[in-house]
Amino acid sequence: MVRGHSAVPQPERHAVAMVERQRKDFHFEFTTLRFKPIAEYGEWEGRTKIIPS
């Protein structure tokens, strides 16, 4: 995650953030969550069919 290959501009900023988190932890606990949407209902900001099928 820190040293992954990414098309994001300035990908090293994540590594810098992780070093800073080790230096001064802003939270008592840390977790990374990824969610996969299973359904879509209604609209958001006038958009529908956001989840690819």
Protein backbone atom coordinates (compact mmCIF):
# COMPACT_ATOMS: atom_id res chain seq x y z
CA MET A 1 0.00 0.00 0.00
CA VAL A 2 2.76 2.44 0.90
CA ARG A 3 5.11 1.43 -1.90
CA GLY A 4 2.51 0.25 -4.40
CA HIS A 5 2.38 1.27 -8.02
CA SER A 6 -0.18 3.97 -8.52
CA ALA A 7 -1.24 6.42 -11.20
CA VAL A 8 -2.08 8.92 -8.44
CA PRO A 9 -0.08 12.16 -8.67
CA GLN A 10 2.56 12.36 -5.93
CA PRO A 11 2.08 8.79 -4.63
CA GLU A 12 4.87 9.29 -2.10
CA ARG A 13 2.56 11.46 0.03
CA HIS A 14 0.97 8.30 1.47
CA ALA A 15 4.37 7.01 2.58
CA VAL A 16 5.08 10.41 4.16
CA ALA A 17 1.74 10.28 5.98
CA MET A 18 2.49 6.78 7.34
CA VAL A 19 5.88 7.97 8.66
CA GLU A 20 4.17 10.93 10.34
CA ARG A 21 1.58 8.60 11.86
CA GLN A 22 4.40 6.55 13.40
CA ARG A 23 5.99 9.74 14.75
CA LYS A 24 2.81 11.16 16.26
CA ASP A 25 -0.25 8.96 16.28
CA PHE A 26 -3.36 11.08 15.97
CA HIS A 27 -5.67 8.24 16.99
CA PHE A 28 -5.55 5.60 19.66
CA GLU A 29 -6.42 2.91 17.14
CA PHE A 30 -5.97 2.68 13.39
CA THR A 31 -7.82 0.66 10.79
CA THR A 32 -8.24 0.65 7.04
CA LEU A 33 -11.59 -0.48 5.70
CA ARG A 34 -12.65 -1.16 2.14
CA PHE A 35 -16.27 -1.73 1.29
CA LYS A 36 -17.74 -3.34 -1.79
CA PRO A 37 -21.20 -2.04 -2.64
CA ILE A 38 -23.75 -4.79 -3.10
CA ALA A 39 -26.76 -2.76 -4.18
CA GLU A 40 -27.81 0.70 -5.25
CA TYR A 41 -31.10 2.41 -4.48
CA GLY A 42 -32.31 5.86 -5.46
CA GLU A 43 -29.99 8.58 -6.69
CA TRP A 44 -27.12 10.69 -5.41
CA GLU A 45 -26.61 14.23 -6.64
CA GLY A 46 -28.95 13.41 -9.52
CA ARG A 47 -26.91 10.37 -10.59
CA THR A 48 -27.98 6.75 -10.83
CA LYS A 49 -26.27 3.51 -11.85
CA ILE A 50 -23.02 4.53 -10.15
CA ILE A 51 -22.09 0.95 -9.24
CA PRO A 52 -20.73 -0.85 -12.31
CA SER A 53 -22.49 -4.09 -13.10
